[in-house]
């Protein structure tokens, strides 16, 4: 629709996105993780079959649920915002989970119990845009001078290779 120029915040680089936009190289690693309340018996996603599991509608978490044979047997509830998923067993971004749950947060009773898949974040622009190449050049400079690593450490992120 050409109503936006750039998608950056937590943009998972999927085949579809890379085929339909001009994207940067990956700049950070992420994953979809299973988050449950402390004390929940959990050894694998099979433990959640028949239980309520939530994820953000249209998210990589929702795709992970649909793509996991055990989670596909769960009672899936979609939410409009990832943070609304933090009340029950949920599949969401590792980056968000690390920031929102555990000691010292409003969700101290929640914990990460499983990592379902690895993914990488990038920046997307309209197909044909030269902005992706300019951002890649800036990323290269920030990696070379140590700025990206310092930011990754500050915000507990893993840089993409």
Protein backbone atom coordinates (compact mmCIF):
# COMPACT_ATOMS: atom_id res chain seq x y z
CA UNK A 1 0.00 0.00 0.00
CA UNK A 2 3.10 2.21 0.25
CA UNK A 3 1.84 3.68 3.51
CA UNK A 4 5.12 3.11 5.40
CA UNK A 5 8.79 3.45 4.57
CA UNK A 6 10.52 1.33 7.22
CA UNK A 7 9.78 -1.54 9.61
CA UNK A 8 12.39 -1.90 12.32
CA UNK A 9 11.09 -2.82 15.77
CA UNK A 10 11.66 -6.55 16.23
CA UNK A 11 11.40 -7.30 12.51
CA UNK A 12 12.05 -11.01 12.11
CA UNK A 13 13.71 -11.72 8.78
CA UNK A 14 11.44 -14.31 7.17
CA UNK A 15 11.65 -15.55 3.59
CA UNK A 16 8.44 -13.68 2.76
CA UNK A 17 9.69 -10.39 4.20
CA UNK A 18 13.05 -10.68 2.45
CA UNK A 19 11.34 -11.49 -0.87
CA UNK A 20 8.98 -8.52 -0.69
CA UNK A 21 11.09 -5.75 0.84
CA UNK A 22 14.61 -4.37 0.79
CA UNK A 23 16.14 -5.68 4.02
CA UNK A 24 19.35 -5.14 5.89
CA UNK A 25 21.58 -7.96 6.99
CA UNK A 26 20.56 -9.45 10.31
CA UNK A 27 21.76 -7.37 13.25
CA UNK A 28 20.50 -9.36 16.27
CA UNK A 29 19.61 -12.93 17.17
CA UNK A 30 16.28 -13.78 18.71
CA UNK A 31 14.13 -16.86 19.34
CA UNK A 32 10.60 -17.81 20.17
CA UNK A 33 10.43 -19.15 23.72
CA UNK A 34 7.89 -20.88 25.92
CA UNK A 35 7.11 -18.94 29.11
CA UNK A 36 5.18 -20.52 32.01
CA UNK A 37 4.49 -19.84 35.67
CA UNK A 38 7.07 -21.01 38.19
CA UNK A 39 6.16 -24.49 39.40
CA UNK A 40 4.56 -25.56 36.11
CA UNK A 41 5.60 -29.09 35.22
CA UNK A 42 7.36 -28.76 31.88
CA UNK A 43 9.76 -31.01 30.02
CA UNK A 44 8.68 -30.31 26.43
CA UNK A 45 5.89 -28.75 24.40
CA UNK A 46 4.03 -32.07 24.75
CA UNK A 47 3.23 -30.99 28.32
CA UNK A 48 1.10 -28.14 26.93
CA UNK A 49 -1.14 -30.24 24.68
CA UNK A 50 -4.73 -29.61 25.77
CA UNK A 51 -3.75 -26.57 27.85
CA UNK A 52 -4.25 -22.90 27.02
CA UNK A 53 -1.31 -21.32 25.22
CA UNK A 54 -1.27 -17.70 24.06
CA UNK A 55 0.69 -15.67 21.53
CA UNK A 56 0.32 -12.38 19.71
CA UNK A 57 -1.92 -12.65 16.65
CA UNK A 58 0.11 -12.76 13.45
CA UNK A 59 3.42 -13.03 15.32
CA UNK A 60 6.35 -15.40 14.97
CA UNK A 61 5.09 -16.90 18.26
CA UNK A 62 1.78 -17.77 16.64
CA UNK A 63 3.65 -19.37 13.71
CA UNK A 64 5.80 -21.35 16.18
CA UNK A 65 2.67 -22.69 17.90
CA UNK A 66 1.10 -23.67 14.58
CA UNK A 67 4.35 -25.30 13.45
CA UNK A 68 4.91 -27.40 16.57
CA UNK A 69 2.99 -30.68 16.51
CA UNK A 70 2.47 -30.62 20.30
CA UNK A 71 1.51 -26.96 20.59
CA UNK A 72 -0.90 -27.41 17.68
CA UNK A 73 -2.84 -29.65 20.12
CA UNK A 74 -3.04 -26.87 22.73
CA UNK A 75 -6.00 -24.54 23.15
CA UNK A 76 -4.48 -21.55 21.33
CA UNK A 77 -5.69 -18.05 22.22
CA UNK A 78 -4.43 -15.09 20.20
CA UNK A 79 -3.85 -11.74 21.85
CA UNK A 80 -3.50 -8.34 20.19
CA UNK A 81 -0.30 -7.43 22.09
CA UNK A 82 2.61 -9.65 23.22
CA UNK A 83 2.57 -8.30 26.76
CA UNK A 84 -1.06 -9.49 27.10
CA UNK A 85 0.33 -13.02 26.76
CA UNK A 86 2.21 -12.89 30.04
CA UNK A 87 -0.64 -14.18 32.18
CA UNK A 88 -0.62 -17.79 30.95
CA UNK A 89 1.58 -20.29 29.12
CA UNK A 90 2.82 -18.28 26.18
CA UNK A 91 5.09 -18.34 23.16
CA UNK A 92 6.81 -15.01 22.56
CA UNK A 93 10.05 -13.32 21.65
CA UNK A 94 13.08 -14.10 23.79
CA UNK A 95 14.02 -10.42 23.73
CA UNK A 96 10.67 -9.40 25.24
CA UNK A 97 10.64 -12.29 27.70
CA UNK A 98 14.09 -11.39 29.02
CA UNK A 99 12.98 -7.81 29.59
CA UNK A 100 9.57 -8.51 31.09
CA UNK A 101 9.75 -11.59 33.33
CA UNK A 102 11.67 -12.81 36.35
CA UNK A 103 12.95 -11.27 39.54
CA UNK A 104 12.34 -7.53 39.88
CA UNK A 105 9.55 -7.40 37.28
CA UNK A 106 5.75 -7.41 37.40
CA UNK A 107 5.94 -11.02 36.16
CA UNK A 108 8.38 -12.45 38.70
CA UNK A 109 6.48 -15.76 38.80
CA UNK A 110 7.06 -16.47 35.10
CA UNK A 111 10.07 -18.24 33.59
CA UNK A 112 11.42 -19.30 30.21
CA UNK A 113 11.36 -23.09 29.89
CA UNK A 114 12.05 -23.76 26.22
CA UNK A 115 13.44 -22.21 23.04
CA UNK A 116 11.46 -23.25 19.98
CA UNK A 117 13.36 -21.71 17.11
CA UNK A 118 16.09 -19.27 16.29
CA UNK A 119 15.44 -16.18 14.21
CA UNK A 120 17.17 -12.95 13.36
CA UNK A 121 16.12 -9.32 13.39
CA UNK A 122 16.70 -6.96 10.52
CA UNK A 123 15.28 -3.75 9.10
CA UNK A 124 12.90 -3.70 6.13
CA UNK A 125 12.28 -0.93 3.62
CA UNK A 126 10.13 -0.73 0.53
CA UNK A 127 11.32 -3.06 -2.22
CA UNK A 128 13.81 -1.22 -4.41
CA UNK A 129 14.90 1.20 -1.69
CA UNK A 130 18.61 1.90 -1.27
CA UNK A 131 18.07 2.67 2.43
CA UNK A 132 18.84 -0.93 3.44
CA UNK A 133 22.36 -0.65 2.03
CA UNK A 134 22.90 2.65 3.88
CA UNK A 135 21.75 1.10 7.18
CA UNK A 136 23.99 -1.94 6.56
CA UNK A 137 26.95 0.44 6.12
CA UNK A 138 26.06 2.17 9.39
CA UNK A 139 25.75 -1.21 11.15
CA UNK A 140 29.18 -2.21 9.81
CA UNK A 141 30.71 0.98 11.25
CA UNK A 142 28.98 0.49 14.60
CA UNK A 143 30.20 -3.12 14.76
CA UNK A 144 33.75 -2.13 13.84
CA UNK A 145 34.01 0.53 16.54
CA UNK A 146 32.43 -1.68 19.25
CA UNK A 147 29.22 0.32 19.63
CA UNK A 148 26.94 -2.54 18.55
CA UNK A 149 28.60 -4.95 20.97
CA UNK A 150 28.31 -2.46 23.83
CA UNK A 151 24.61 -1.97 23.08
CA UNK A 152 24.07 -5.72 22.83
CA UNK A 153 25.66 -6.22 26.24
CA UNK A 154 23.73 -3.33 27.81
CA UNK A 155 20.38 -4.70 26.59
CA UNK A 156 21.27 -8.40 26.95
CA UNK A 157 21.04 -9.16 23.23
CA UNK A 158 23.08 -11.42 20.98
CA UNK A 159 24.42 -9.88 17.80
CA UNK A 160 23.87 -11.72 14.54
CA UNK A 161 26.98 -13.14 12.89
